[in-house]
Amino acid sequence: KTLQEIVNNRMALMQKIKSTSSQISKLLMSDDYNTIIEMNNTLLQAAKDFKDHFPEGSQYKSASDEIWNDRDTFNQYIDKFINDIEMIDLSIELEDNEMLSDSFKNMAANCGSCHKKFKN
C-alpha cells in the first residue's frame, strides 16, 4: 500500500471509532443494551485493528513521531482502550448502569489522553 492509502485507512478507522463512540454515548441512558452491545462490538473490532494501521514508515502530518519512537507506550494506550471497551461489555452483562457510564467515560478519556500524547 502507498503511504496515502495507509493514512486514508487510518483516518477512516479513527472516524469509525469516533462515530461509533458517539452513537454509544447517545444510547447510554436508553437501556437499549442490544444496540449498545452491537455498537460496542464494532468499536472493539476497530480498536483491535488499530495497531495494524501504524506500520513503520507511515508517519504523516497529524500523527506524532512518538507513535513510532515509543511504540511500547503507544501499544499500552491501545491496550487500555481495548480494556475499557471490554469493560463496557461487562457492565452490560452485569446490567450495571453506573459501571456502564463509568466504563464509557474511561474509554472516552483514554481517547483524549492518547491524542494529547500522540497527535501533533
PDB file of N, CA and C in Angstrom:
ATOM      1  N   LYS A   1       0.836  -1.196   0.000  1.00  0.00           N
ATOM      2  CA  LYS A   1       0.000   0.000   0.000  1.00  0.00           C
ATOM      3  C   LYS A   1       0.871   1.246   0.000  1.00  0.00           C
ATOM      4  N   THR A   2       0.339   2.279  -0.600  1.00  0.00           N
ATOM      5  CA  THR A   2       1.057   3.551  -0.593  1.00  0.00           C
ATOM      6  C   THR A   2       0.853   4.231   0.759  1.00  0.00           C
ATOM      7  N   LEU A   3       1.707   5.191   1.042  1.00  0.00           N
ATOM      8  CA  LEU A   3       1.572   5.958   2.286  1.00  0.00           C
ATOM      9  C   LEU A   3       0.188   6.595   2.361  1.00  0.00           C
ATOM     10  N   GLN A   4      -0.277   7.146   1.265  1.00  0.00           N
ATOM     11  CA  GLN A   4      -1.589   7.808   1.272  1.00  0.00           C
ATOM     12  C   GLN A   4      -2.709   6.817   1.571  1.00  0.00           C
ATOM     13  N   GLU A   5      -2.624   5.605   1.037  1.00  0.00           N
ATOM     14  CA  GLU A   5      -3.643   4.584   1.322  1.00  0.00           C
ATOM     15  C   GLU A   5      -3.632   4.195   2.801  1.00  0.00           C
ATOM     16  N   ILE A   6      -2.429   4.046   3.358  1.00  0.00           N
ATOM     17  CA  ILE A   6      -2.303   3.713   4.780  1.00  0.00           C
ATOM     18  C   ILE A   6      -2.913   4.820   5.628  1.00  0.00           C
ATOM     19  N   VAL A   7      -2.577   6.052   5.332  1.00  0.00           N
ATOM     20  CA  VAL A   7      -3.090   7.200   6.087  1.00  0.00           C
ATOM     21  C   VAL A   7      -4.614   7.306   5.927  1.00  0.00           C
ATOM     22  N   ASN A   8      -5.107   7.139   4.703  1.00  0.00           N
ATOM     23  CA  ASN A   8      -6.564   7.202   4.478  1.00  0.00           C
ATOM     24  C   ASN A   8      -7.292   6.112   5.261  1.00  0.00           C
ATOM     25  N   ASN A   9      -6.748   4.905   5.266  1.00  0.00           N
ATOM     26  CA  ASN A   9      -7.358   3.811   6.026  1.00  0.00           C
ATOM     27  C   ASN A   9      -7.333   4.103   7.524  1.00  0.00           C
ATOM     28  N   ARG A  10      -6.223   4.667   7.986  1.00  0.00           N
ATOM     29  CA  ARG A  10      -6.083   5.022   9.400  1.00  0.00           C
ATOM     30  C   ARG A  10      -7.115   6.092   9.775  1.00  0.00           C
ATOM     31  N   MET A  11      -7.253   7.091   8.924  1.00  0.00           N
ATOM     32  CA  MET A  11      -8.217   8.164   9.201  1.00  0.00           C
ATOM     33  C   MET A  11      -9.657   7.636   9.160  1.00  0.00           C
ATOM     34  N   ALA A  12      -9.934   6.722   8.260  1.00  0.00           N
ATOM     35  CA  ALA A  12     -11.275   6.130   8.193  1.00  0.00           C
ATOM     36  C   ALA A  12     -11.559   5.312   9.445  1.00  0.00           C
ATOM     37  N   LEU A  13     -10.561   4.605   9.941  1.00  0.00           N
ATOM     38  CA  LEU A  13     -10.743   3.831  11.167  1.00  0.00           C
ATOM     39  C   LEU A  13     -10.978   4.753  12.360  1.00  0.00           C
ATOM     40  N   MET A  14     -10.225   5.845  12.425  1.00  0.00           N
ATOM     41  CA  MET A  14     -10.439   6.826  13.502  1.00  0.00           C
ATOM     42  C   MET A  14     -11.847   7.410  13.431  1.00  0.00           C
ATOM     43  N   GLN A  15     -12.319   7.690  12.238  1.00  0.00           N
ATOM     44  CA  GLN A  15     -13.671   8.225  12.067  1.00  0.00           C
ATOM     45  C   GLN A  15     -14.709   7.196  12.514  1.00  0.00           C
ATOM     46  N   LYS A  16     -14.469   5.940  12.210  1.00  0.00           N
ATOM     47  CA  LYS A  16     -15.378   4.868  12.628  1.00  0.00           C
ATOM     48  C   LYS A  16     -15.432   4.781  14.152  1.00  0.00           C
ATOM     49  N   ILE A  17     -14.270   4.889  14.797  1.00  0.00           N
ATOM     50  CA  ILE A  17     -14.209   4.857  16.258  1.00  0.00           C
ATOM     51  C   ILE A  17     -14.970   6.054  16.837  1.00  0.00           C
ATOM     52  N   LYS A  18     -14.744   7.219  16.274  1.00  0.00           N
ATOM     53  CA  LYS A  18     -15.412   8.438  16.753  1.00  0.00           C
ATOM     54  C   LYS A  18     -16.927   8.340  16.569  1.00  0.00           C
ATOM     55  N   SER A  19     -17.349   7.935  15.403  1.00  0.00           N
ATOM     56  CA  SER A  19     -18.773   7.835  15.090  1.00  0.00           C
ATOM     57  C   SER A  19     -19.468   6.788  15.972  1.00  0.00           C
ATOM     58  N   THR A  20     -18.846   5.636  16.112  1.00  0.00           N
ATOM     59  CA  THR A  20     -19.432   4.566  16.913  1.00  0.00           C
ATOM     60  C   THR A  20     -19.497   4.971  18.377  1.00  0.00           C
ATOM     61  N   SER A  21     -18.455   5.619  18.873  1.00  0.00           N
ATOM     62  CA  SER A  21     -18.451   6.092  20.257  1.00  0.00           C
ATOM     63  C   SER A  21     -19.580   7.096  20.485  1.00  0.00           C
ATOM     64  N   SER A  22     -19.772   7.972  19.524  1.00  0.00           N
ATOM     65  CA  SER A  22     -20.844   8.965  19.614  1.00  0.00           C
ATOM     66  C   SER A  22     -22.219   8.292  19.653  1.00  0.00           C
ATOM     67  N   GLN A  23     -22.389   7.265  18.839  1.00  0.00           N
ATOM     68  CA  GLN A  23     -23.664   6.540  18.826  1.00  0.00           C
ATOM     69  C   GLN A  23     -23.901   5.844  20.165  1.00  0.00           C
ATOM     70  N   ILE A  24     -22.855   5.245  20.718  1.00  0.00           N
ATOM     71  CA  ILE A  24     -22.989   4.591  22.023  1.00  0.00           C
ATOM     72  C   ILE A  24     -23.342   5.617  23.083  1.00  0.00           C
ATOM     73  N   SER A  25     -22.686   6.760  23.054  1.00  0.00           N
ATOM     74  CA  SER A  25     -22.942   7.818  24.032  1.00  0.00           C
ATOM     75  C   SER A  25     -24.422   8.202  24.065  1.00  0.00           C
ATOM     76  N   LYS A  26     -25.020   8.305  22.891  1.00  0.00           N
ATOM     77  CA  LYS A  26     -26.437   8.683  22.799  1.00  0.00           C
ATOM     78  C   LYS A  26     -27.359   7.589  23.343  1.00  0.00           C
ATOM     79  N   LEU A  27     -26.870   6.348  23.374  1.00  0.00           N
ATOM     80  CA  LEU A  27     -27.695   5.217  23.814  1.00  0.00           C
ATOM     81  C   LEU A  27     -27.523   4.873  25.289  1.00  0.00           C
ATOM     82  N   LEU A  28     -26.562   5.474  25.954  1.00  0.00           N
ATOM     83  CA  LEU A  28     -26.230   5.064  27.319  1.00  0.00           C
ATOM     84  C   LEU A  28     -27.417   5.090  28.279  1.00  0.00           C
ATOM     85  N   MET A  29     -28.279   6.053  28.153  1.00  0.00           N
ATOM     86  CA  MET A  29     -29.414   6.162  29.073  1.00  0.00           C
ATOM     87  C   MET A  29     -30.683   5.503  28.542  1.00  0.00           C
ATOM     88  N   SER A  30     -30.581   4.812  27.424  1.00  0.00           N
ATOM     89  CA  SER A  30     -31.777   4.270  26.781  1.00  0.00           C
ATOM     90  C   SER A  30     -32.146   2.863  27.227  1.00  0.00           C
ATOM     91  N   ASP A  31     -31.236   2.174  27.875  1.00  0.00           N
ATOM     92  CA  ASP A  31     -31.425   0.765  28.226  1.00  0.00           C
ATOM     93  C   ASP A  31     -31.576  -0.112  26.988  1.00  0.00           C
ATOM     94  N   ASP A  32     -31.148   0.366  25.843  1.00  0.00           N
ATOM     95  CA  ASP A  32     -31.167  -0.426  24.613  1.00  0.00           C
ATOM     96  C   ASP A  32     -29.859  -1.206  24.545  1.00  0.00           C
ATOM     97  N   TYR A  33     -29.746  -2.173  25.441  1.00  0.00           N
ATOM     98  CA  TYR A  33     -28.494  -2.905  25.600  1.00  0.00           C
ATOM     99  C   TYR A  33     -28.089  -3.676  24.356  1.00  0.00           C
ATOM    100  N   ASN A  34     -29.041  -4.200  23.631  1.00  0.00           N
ATOM    101  CA  ASN A  34     -28.700  -4.964  22.426  1.00  0.00           C
ATOM    102  C   ASN A  34     -27.988  -4.088  21.403  1.00  0.00           C
ATOM    103  N   THR A  35     -28.487  -2.877  21.210  1.00  0.00           N
ATOM    104  CA  THR A  35     -27.844  -1.969  20.253  1.00  0.00           C
ATOM    105  C   THR A  35     -26.486  -1.516  20.776  1.00  0.00           C
ATOM    106  N   ILE A  36     -26.396  -1.250  22.071  1.00  0.00           N
ATOM    107  CA  ILE A  36     -25.114  -0.843  22.656  1.00  0.00           C
ATOM    108  C   ILE A  36     -24.084  -1.960  22.475  1.00  0.00           C
ATOM    109  N   ILE A  37     -24.492  -3.201  22.726  1.00  0.00           N
ATOM    110  CA  ILE A  37     -23.580  -4.335  22.554  1.00  0.00           C
ATOM    111  C   ILE A  37     -23.121  -4.425  21.098  1.00  0.00           C
ATOM    112  N   GLU A  38     -24.046  -4.275  20.183  1.00  0.00           N
ATOM    113  CA  GLU A  38     -23.716  -4.322  18.756  1.00  0.00           C
ATOM    114  C   GLU A  38     -22.720  -3.221  18.384  1.00  0.00           C
ATOM    115  N   MET A  39     -22.997  -2.004  18.822  1.00  0.00           N
ATOM    116  CA  MET A  39     -22.104  -0.878  18.540  1.00  0.00           C
ATOM    117  C   MET A  39     -20.752  -1.079  19.227  1.00  0.00           C
ATOM    118  N   ASN A  40     -20.790  -1.589  20.454  1.00  0.00           N
ATOM    119  CA  ASN A  40     -19.558  -1.796  21.198  1.00  0.00           C
ATOM    120  C   ASN A  40     -18.684  -2.862  20.542  1.00  0.00           C
ATOM    121  N   ASN A  41     -19.305  -3.874  19.960  1.00  0.00           N
ATOM    122  CA  ASN A  41     -18.544  -4.890  19.237  1.00  0.00           C
ATOM    123  C   ASN A  41     -17.855  -4.286  18.019  1.00  0.00           C
ATOM    124  N   THR A  42     -18.534  -3.375  17.342  1.00  0.00           N
ATOM    125  CA  THR A  42     -17.931  -2.654  16.215  1.00  0.00           C
ATOM    126  C   THR A  42     -16.735  -1.840  16.711  1.00  0.00           C
ATOM    127  N   LEU A  43     -16.934  -1.163  17.823  1.00  0.00           N
ATOM    128  CA  LEU A  43     -15.866  -0.348  18.411  1.00  0.00           C
ATOM    129  C   LEU A  43     -14.684  -1.222  18.823  1.00  0.00           C
ATOM    130  N   LEU A  44     -14.970  -2.347  19.437  1.00  0.00           N
ATOM    131  CA  LEU A  44     -13.909  -3.256  19.879  1.00  0.00           C
ATOM    132  C   LEU A  44     -13.090  -3.765  18.693  1.00  0.00           C
ATOM    133  N   GLN A  45     -13.752  -4.154  17.626  1.00  0.00           N
ATOM    134  CA  GLN A  45     -13.033  -4.647  16.451  1.00  0.00           C
ATOM    135  C   GLN A  45     -12.160  -3.548  15.848  1.00  0.00           C
ATOM    136  N   ALA A  46     -12.683  -2.344  15.786  1.00  0.00           N
ATOM    137  CA  ALA A  46     -11.899  -1.221  15.259  1.00  0.00           C
ATOM    138  C   ALA A  46     -10.673  -0.968  16.131  1.00  0.00           C
ATOM    139  N   ALA A  47     -10.853  -1.029  17.441  1.00  0.00           N
ATOM    140  CA  ALA A  47      -9.737  -0.805  18.367  1.00  0.00           C
ATOM    141  C   ALA A  47      -8.676  -1.889  18.214  1.00  0.00           C
ATOM    142  N   LYS A  48      -9.111  -3.124  18.052  1.00  0.00           N
ATOM    143  CA  LYS A  48      -8.160  -4.227  17.884  1.00  0.00           C
ATOM    144  C   LYS A  48      -7.393  -4.101  16.565  1.00  0.00           C
ATOM    145  N   ASP A  49      -8.016  -3.533  15.555  1.00  0.00           N
ATOM    146  CA  ASP A  49      -7.366  -3.338  14.259  1.00  0.00           C
ATOM    147  C   ASP A  49      -6.394  -2.152  14.265  1.00  0.00           C
ATOM    148  N   PHE A  50      -6.515  -1.311  15.272  1.00  0.00           N
ATOM    149  CA  PHE A  50      -5.824  -0.033  15.269  1.00  0.00           C
ATOM    150  C   PHE A  50      -4.308  -0.153  15.175  1.00  0.00           C
ATOM    151  N   LYS A  51      -3.711  -1.068  15.935  1.00  0.00           N
ATOM    152  CA  LYS A  51      -2.247  -1.195  15.938  1.00  0.00           C
ATOM    153  C   LYS A  51      -1.697  -1.448  14.544  1.00  0.00           C
ATOM    154  N   ASP A  52      -2.461  -2.161  13.723  1.00  0.00           N
ATOM    155  CA  ASP A  52      -2.001  -2.509  12.380  1.00  0.00           C
ATOM    156  C   ASP A  52      -2.007  -1.331  11.421  1.00  0.00           C
ATOM    157  N   HIS A  53      -2.558  -0.208  11.825  1.00  0.00           N
ATOM    158  CA  HIS A  53      -2.679   0.948  10.929  1.00  0.00           C
ATOM    159  C   HIS A  53      -1.544   1.964  11.091  1.00  0.00           C
ATOM    160  N   PHE A  54      -0.495   1.556  11.809  1.00  0.00           N
ATOM    161  CA  PHE A  54       0.653   2.436  12.025  1.00  0.00           C
ATOM    162  C   PHE A  54       1.958   1.699  11.721  1.00  0.00           C
ATOM    163  N   PRO A  55       2.079   1.146  10.502  1.00  0.00           N
ATOM    164  CA  PRO A  55       3.316   0.427  10.180  1.00  0.00           C
ATOM    165  C   PRO A  55       4.512   1.380  10.132  1.00  0.00           C
ATOM    166  N   GLU A  56       5.675   0.809  10.316  1.00  0.00           N
ATOM    167  CA  GLU A  56       6.909   1.596  10.240  1.00  0.00           C
ATOM    168  C   GLU A  56       6.944   2.347   8.907  1.00  0.00           C
ATOM    169  N   GLY A  57       7.316   3.620   8.979  1.00  0.00           N
ATOM    170  CA  GLY A  57       7.426   4.425   7.768  1.00  0.00           C
ATOM    171  C   GLY A  57       6.135   5.099   7.346  1.00  0.00           C
ATOM    172  N   SER A  58       5.074   4.997   8.183  1.00  0.00           N
ATOM    173  CA  SER A  58       3.801   5.627   7.799  1.00  0.00           C
ATOM    174  C   SER A  58       3.548   6.922   8.566  1.00  0.00           C
ATOM    175  N   GLN A  59       4.627   7.559   9.017  1.00  0.00           N
ATOM    176  CA  GLN A  59       4.497   8.843   9.685  1.00  0.00           C
ATOM    177  C   GLN A  59       3.885   9.846   8.721  1.00  0.00           C
ATOM    178  N   TYR A  60       2.961  10.671   9.261  1.00  0.00           N
ATOM    179  CA  TYR A  60       2.289  11.629   8.391  1.00  0.00           C
ATOM    180  C   TYR A  60       1.635  12.706   9.236  1.00  0.00           C
ATOM    181  N   LYS A  61       1.845  13.929   8.891  1.00  0.00           N
ATOM    182  CA  LYS A  61       1.257  15.147   9.448  1.00  0.00           C
ATOM    183  C   LYS A  61       0.798  15.064  10.900  1.00  0.00           C
ATOM    184  N   SER A  62      -0.473  14.721  11.144  1.00  0.00           N
ATOM    185  CA  SER A  62      -1.037  14.850  12.486  1.00  0.00           C
ATOM    186  C   SER A  62      -0.610  13.747  13.439  1.00  0.00           C
ATOM    187  N   ALA A  63      -0.051  12.659  12.935  1.00  0.00           N
ATOM    188  CA  ALA A  63       0.416  11.572  13.800  1.00  0.00           C
ATOM    189  C   ALA A  63       1.828  11.909  14.296  1.00  0.00           C
ATOM    190  N   SER A  64       1.981  11.967  15.607  1.00  0.00           N
ATOM    191  CA  SER A  64       3.269  12.297  16.204  1.00  0.00           C
ATOM    192  C   SER A  64       4.294  11.200  15.938  1.00  0.00           C
ATOM    193  N   ASP A  65       5.534  11.604  15.761  1.00  0.00           N
ATOM    194  CA  ASP A  65       6.616  10.636  15.605  1.00  0.00           C
ATOM    195  C   ASP A  65       6.749   9.731  16.825  1.00  0.00           C
ATOM    196  N   GLU A  66       6.210  10.174  17.966  1.00  0.00           N
ATOM    197  CA  GLU A  66       6.271   9.368  19.195  1.00  0.00           C
ATOM    198  C   GLU A  66       5.577   8.021  19.027  1.00  0.00           C
ATOM    199  N   ILE A  67       4.627   7.920  18.119  1.00  0.00           N
ATOM    200  CA  ILE A  67       3.981   6.632  17.853  1.00  0.00           C
ATOM    201  C   ILE A  67       5.032   5.610  17.447  1.00  0.00           C
ATOM    202  N   TRP A  68       5.971   6.015  16.641  1.00  0.00           N
ATOM    203  CA  TRP A  68       6.996   5.109  16.137  1.00  0.00           C
ATOM    204  C   TRP A  68       8.225   5.086  17.036  1.00  0.00           C
ATOM    205  N   ASN A  69       8.508   6.207  17.704  1.00  0.00           N
ATOM    206  CA  ASN A  69       9.676   6.276  18.591  1.00  0.00           C
ATOM    207  C   ASN A  69       9.445   5.585  19.928  1.00  0.00           C
ATOM    208  N   ASP A  70       8.189   5.528  20.365  1.00  0.00           N
ATOM    209  CA  ASP A  70       7.843   4.918  21.653  1.00  0.00           C
ATOM    210  C   ASP A  70       6.653   3.977  21.450  1.00  0.00           C
ATOM    211  N   ARG A  71       6.870   2.987  20.618  1.00  0.00           N
ATOM    212  CA  ARG A  71       5.810   2.044  20.234  1.00  0.00           C
ATOM    213  C   ARG A  71       5.223   1.319  21.442  1.00  0.00           C
ATOM    214  N   ASP A  72       6.056   0.993  22.437  1.00  0.00           N
ATOM    215  CA  ASP A  72       5.551   0.272  23.608  1.00  0.00           C
ATOM    216  C   ASP A  72       4.482   1.082  24.337  1.00  0.00           C
ATOM    217  N   THR A  73       4.742   2.364  24.535  1.00  0.00           N
ATOM    218  CA  THR A  73       3.759   3.218  25.215  1.00  0.00           C
ATOM    219  C   THR A  73       2.508   3.373  24.361  1.00  0.00           C
ATOM    220  N   PHE A  74       2.685   3.557  23.068  1.00  0.00           N
ATOM    221  CA  PHE A  74       1.542   3.667  22.165  1.00  0.00           C
ATOM    222  C   PHE A  74       0.677   2.413  22.248  1.00  0.00           C
ATOM    223  N   ASN A  75       1.312   1.253  22.217  1.00  0.00           N
ATOM    224  CA  ASN A  75       0.568  -0.006  22.312  1.00  0.00           C
ATOM    225  C   ASN A  75      -0.126  -0.158  23.665  1.00  0.00           C
ATOM    226  N   GLN A  76       0.492   0.356  24.722  1.00  0.00           N
ATOM    227  CA  GLN A  76      -0.151   0.326  26.042  1.00  0.00           C
ATOM    228  C   GLN A  76      -1.435   1.164  26.043  1.00  0.00           C
ATOM    229  N   TYR A  77      -1.401   2.304  25.404  1.00  0.00           N
ATOM    230  CA  TYR A  77      -2.598   3.146  25.292  1.00  0.00           C
ATOM    231  C   TYR A  77      -3.704   2.400  24.535  1.00  0.00           C
ATOM    232  N   ILE A  78      -3.332   1.736  23.454  1.00  0.00           N
ATOM    233  CA  ILE A  78      -4.320   0.988  22.679  1.00  0.00           C
ATOM    234  C   ILE A  78      -4.874  -0.172  23.512  1.00  0.00           C
ATOM    235  N   ASP A  79      -3.990  -0.869  24.232  1.00  0.00           N
ATOM    236  CA  ASP A  79      -4.443  -1.978  25.076  1.00  0.00           C
ATOM    237  C   ASP A  79      -5.409  -1.487  26.157  1.00  0.00           C
ATOM    238  N   LYS A  80      -5.117  -0.318  26.734  1.00  0.00           N
ATOM    239  CA  LYS A  80      -6.027   0.244  27.738  1.00  0.00           C
ATOM    240  C   LYS A  80      -7.367   0.594  27.092  1.00  0.00           C
ATOM    241  N   PHE A  81      -7.328   1.143  25.907  1.00  0.00           N
ATOM    242  CA  PHE A  81      -8.542   1.468  25.162  1.00  0.00           C
ATOM    243  C   PHE A  81      -9.384   0.205  24.949  1.00  0.00           C
ATOM    244  N   ILE A  82      -8.737  -0.864  24.526  1.00  0.00           N
ATOM    245  CA  ILE A  82      -9.432  -2.140  24.317  1.00  0.00           C
ATOM    246  C   ILE A  82     -10.029  -2.640  25.635  1.00  0.00           C
ATOM    247  N   ASN A  83      -9.257  -2.569  26.716  1.00  0.00           N
ATOM    248  CA  ASN A  83      -9.773  -2.997  28.027  1.00  0.00           C
ATOM    249  C   ASN A  83     -10.986  -2.183  28.441  1.00  0.00           C
ATOM    250  N   ASP A  84     -10.944  -0.873  28.199  1.00  0.00           N
ATOM    251  CA  ASP A  84     -12.090  -0.013  28.546  1.00  0.00           C
ATOM    252  C   ASP A  84     -13.328  -0.430  27.755  1.00  0.00           C
ATOM    253  N   ILE A  85     -13.156  -0.753  26.497  1.00  0.00           N
ATOM    254  CA  ILE A  85     -14.278  -1.191  25.660  1.00  0.00           C
ATOM    255  C   ILE A  85     -14.827  -2.520  26.172  1.00  0.00           C
ATOM    256  N   GLU A  86     -13.933  -3.417  26.560  1.00  0.00           N
ATOM    257  CA  GLU A  86     -14.371  -4.697  27.115  1.00  0.00           C
ATOM    258  C   GLU A  86     -15.134  -4.509  28.422  1.00  0.00           C
ATOM    259  N   MET A  87     -14.775  -3.481  29.200  1.00  0.00           N
ATOM    260  CA  MET A  87     -15.489  -3.193  30.444  1.00  0.00           C
ATOM    261  C   MET A  87     -16.916  -2.714  30.154  1.00  0.00           C
ATOM    262  N   ILE A  88     -17.109  -2.043  29.039  1.00  0.00           N
ATOM    263  CA  ILE A  88     -18.461  -1.651  28.638  1.00  0.00           C
ATOM    264  C   ILE A  88     -19.306  -2.902  28.446  1.00  0.00           C
ATOM    265  N   ASP A  89     -18.773  -3.887  27.744  1.00  0.00           N
ATOM    266  CA  ASP A  89     -19.488  -5.156  27.564  1.00  0.00           C
ATOM    267  C   ASP A  89     -19.805  -5.816  28.904  1.00  0.00           C
ATOM    268  N   LEU A  90     -18.813  -5.866  29.785  1.00  0.00           N
ATOM    269  CA  LEU A  90     -19.014  -6.498  31.085  1.00  0.00           C
ATOM    270  C   LEU A  90     -20.099  -5.780  31.886  1.00  0.00           C
ATOM    271  N   SER A  91     -20.111  -4.471  31.835  1.00  0.00           N
ATOM    272  CA  SER A  91     -21.118  -3.716  32.594  1.00  0.00           C
ATOM    273  C   SER A  91     -22.523  -4.005  32.075  1.00  0.00           C
ATOM    274  N   ILE A  92     -22.649  -4.216  30.777  1.00  0.00           N
ATOM    275  CA  ILE A  92     -23.955  -4.571  30.207  1.00  0.00           C
ATOM    276  C   ILE A  92     -24.341  -5.980  30.648  1.00  0.00           C
ATOM    277  N   GLU A  93     -23.366  -6.870  30.595  1.00  0.00           N
ATOM    278  CA  GLU A  93     -23.617  -8.245  31.023  1.00  0.00           C
ATOM    279  C   GLU A  93     -24.087  -8.275  32.483  1.00  0.00           C
ATOM    280  N   LEU A  94     -23.511  -7.409  33.318  1.00  0.00           N
ATOM    281  CA  LEU A  94     -23.879  -7.336  34.732  1.00  0.00           C
ATOM    282  C   LEU A  94     -25.113  -6.465  34.973  1.00  0.00           C
ATOM    283  N   GLU A  95     -25.599  -5.827  33.892  1.00  0.00           N
ATOM    284  CA  GLU A  95     -26.738  -4.903  33.973  1.00  0.00           C
ATOM    285  C   GLU A  95     -26.489  -3.810  35.014  1.00  0.00           C
ATOM    286  N   ASP A  96     -25.280  -3.273  34.984  1.00  0.00           N
ATOM    287  CA  ASP A  96     -24.849  -2.258  35.933  1.00  0.00           C
ATOM    288  C   ASP A  96     -24.711  -0.923  35.191  1.00  0.00           C
ATOM    289  N   ASN A  97     -25.755  -0.096  35.281  1.00  0.00           N
ATOM    290  CA  ASN A  97     -25.771   1.175  34.543  1.00  0.00           C
ATOM    291  C   ASN A  97     -24.683   2.139  35.001  1.00  0.00           C
ATOM    292  N   GLU A  98     -24.386   2.143  36.293  1.00  0.00           N
ATOM    293  CA  GLU A  98     -23.340   3.035  36.792  1.00  0.00           C
ATOM    294  C   GLU A  98     -21.978   2.611  36.240  1.00  0.00           C
ATOM    295  N   MET A  99     -21.729   1.307  36.234  1.00  0.00           N
ATOM    296  CA  MET A  99     -20.485   0.796  35.676  1.00  0.00           C
ATOM    297  C   MET A  99     -20.415   1.077  34.174  1.00  0.00           C
ATOM    298  N   LEU A 100     -21.542   0.965  33.507  1.00  0.00           N
ATOM    299  CA  LEU A 100     -21.608   1.260  32.072  1.00  0.00           C
ATOM    300  C   LEU A 100     -21.200   2.699  31.809  1.00  0.00           C
ATOM    301  N   SER A 101     -21.787   3.603  32.561  1.00  0.00           N
ATOM    302  CA  SER A 101     -21.473   5.020  32.398  1.00  0.00           C
ATOM    303  C   SER A 101     -19.997   5.293  32.696  1.00  0.00           C
ATOM    304  N   ASP A 102     -19.492   4.723  33.795  1.00  0.00           N
ATOM    305  CA  ASP A 102     -18.088   4.923  34.163  1.00  0.00           C
ATOM    306  C   ASP A 102     -17.145   4.326  33.119  1.00  0.00           C
ATOM    307  N   SER A 103     -17.492   3.147  32.619  1.00  0.00           N
ATOM    308  CA  SER A 103     -16.647   2.488  31.620  1.00  0.00           C
ATOM    309  C   SER A 103     -16.589   3.308  30.342  1.00  0.00           C
ATOM    310  N   PHE A 104     -17.734   3.848  29.942  1.00  0.00           N
ATOM    311  CA  PHE A 104     -17.745   4.668  28.741  1.00  0.00           C
ATOM    312  C   PHE A 104     -16.919   5.941  28.950  1.00  0.00           C
ATOM    313  N   LYS A 105     -17.066   6.568  30.109  1.00  0.00           N
ATOM    314  CA  LYS A 105     -16.283   7.778  30.408  1.00  0.00           C
ATOM    315  C   LYS A 105     -14.788   7.478  30.387  1.00  0.00           C
ATOM    316  N   ASN A 106     -14.394   6.339  30.949  1.00  0.00           N
ATOM    317  CA  ASN A 106     -12.978   5.953  30.939  1.00  0.00           C
ATOM    318  C   ASN A 106     -12.476   5.750  29.516  1.00  0.00           C
ATOM    319  N   MET A 107     -13.285   5.093  28.703  1.00  0.00           N
ATOM    320  CA  MET A 107     -12.905   4.848  27.314  1.00  0.00           C
ATOM    321  C   MET A 107     -12.743   6.183  26.575  1.00  0.00           C
ATOM    322  N   ALA A 108     -13.687   7.081  26.763  1.00  0.00           N
ATOM    323  CA  ALA A 108     -13.627   8.380  26.085  1.00  0.00           C
ATOM    324  C   ALA A 108     -12.429   9.199  26.566  1.00  0.00           C
ATOM    325  N   ALA A 109     -12.149   9.146  27.872  1.00  0.00           N
ATOM    326  CA  ALA A 109     -10.992   9.871  28.411  1.00  0.00           C
ATOM    327  C   ALA A 109      -9.696   9.311  27.838  1.00  0.00           C
ATOM    328  N   ASN A 110      -9.669   8.008  27.613  1.00  0.00           N
ATOM    329  CA  ASN A 110      -8.497   7.379  27.025  1.00  0.00           C
ATOM    330  C   ASN A 110      -8.237   7.946  25.638  1.00  0.00           C
ATOM    331  N   CYS A 111      -9.293   8.159  24.864  1.00  0.00           N
ATOM    332  CA  CYS A 111      -9.129   8.766  23.529  1.00  0.00           C
ATOM    333  C   CYS A 111      -8.398  10.100  23.653  1.00  0.00           C
ATOM    334  N   GLY A 112      -8.877  10.938  24.559  1.00  0.00           N
ATOM    335  CA  GLY A 112      -8.287  12.263  24.732  1.00  0.00           C
ATOM    336  C   GLY A 112      -6.840  12.211  25.180  1.00  0.00           C
ATOM    337  N   SER A 113      -6.527  11.319  26.114  1.00  0.00           N
ATOM    338  CA  SER A 113      -5.148  11.258  26.609  1.00  0.00           C
ATOM    339  C   SER A 113      -4.206  10.711  25.541  1.00  0.00           C
ATOM    340  N   CYS A 114      -4.671   9.790  24.729  1.00  0.00           N
ATOM    341  CA  CYS A 114      -3.845   9.260  23.646  1.00  0.00           C
ATOM    342  C   CYS A 114      -3.609  10.342  22.579  1.00  0.00           C
ATOM    343  N   HIS A 115      -4.649  11.073  22.243  1.00  0.00           N
ATOM    344  CA  HIS A 115      -4.488  12.160  21.267  1.00  0.00           C
ATOM    345  C   HIS A 115      -3.529  13.218  21.788  1.00  0.00           C
ATOM    346  N   LYS A 116      -3.631  13.520  23.076  1.00  0.00           N
ATOM    347  CA  LYS A 116      -2.742  14.537  23.669  1.00  0.00           C
ATOM    348  C   LYS A 116      -1.280  14.106  23.539  1.00  0.00           C
ATOM    349  N   LYS A 117      -1.020  12.824  23.728  1.00  0.00           N
ATOM    350  CA  LYS A 117       0.362  12.334  23.698  1.00  0.00           C
ATOM    351  C   LYS A 117       0.857  12.042  22.279  1.00  0.00           C
ATOM    352  N   PHE A 118      -0.032  11.552  21.404  1.00  0.00           N
ATOM    353  CA  PHE A 118       0.437  11.022  20.131  1.00  0.00           C
ATOM    354  C   PHE A 118      -0.095  11.728  18.892  1.00  0.00           C
ATOM    355  N   LYS A 119      -0.729  12.866  19.063  1.00  0.00           N
ATOM    356  CA  LYS A 119      -1.212  13.592  17.894  1.00  0.00           C
ATOM    357  C   LYS A 119      -0.574  14.975  17.877  1.00  0.00           C
ATOM    358  N   ASN A 120      -0.094  15.387  16.717  1.00  0.00           N
ATOM    359  CA  ASN A 120       0.524  16.718  16.576  1.00  0.00           C
ATOM    360  C   ASN A 120      -0.542  17.799  16.568  1.00  0.00           C
TER     361      ASN A 120
END
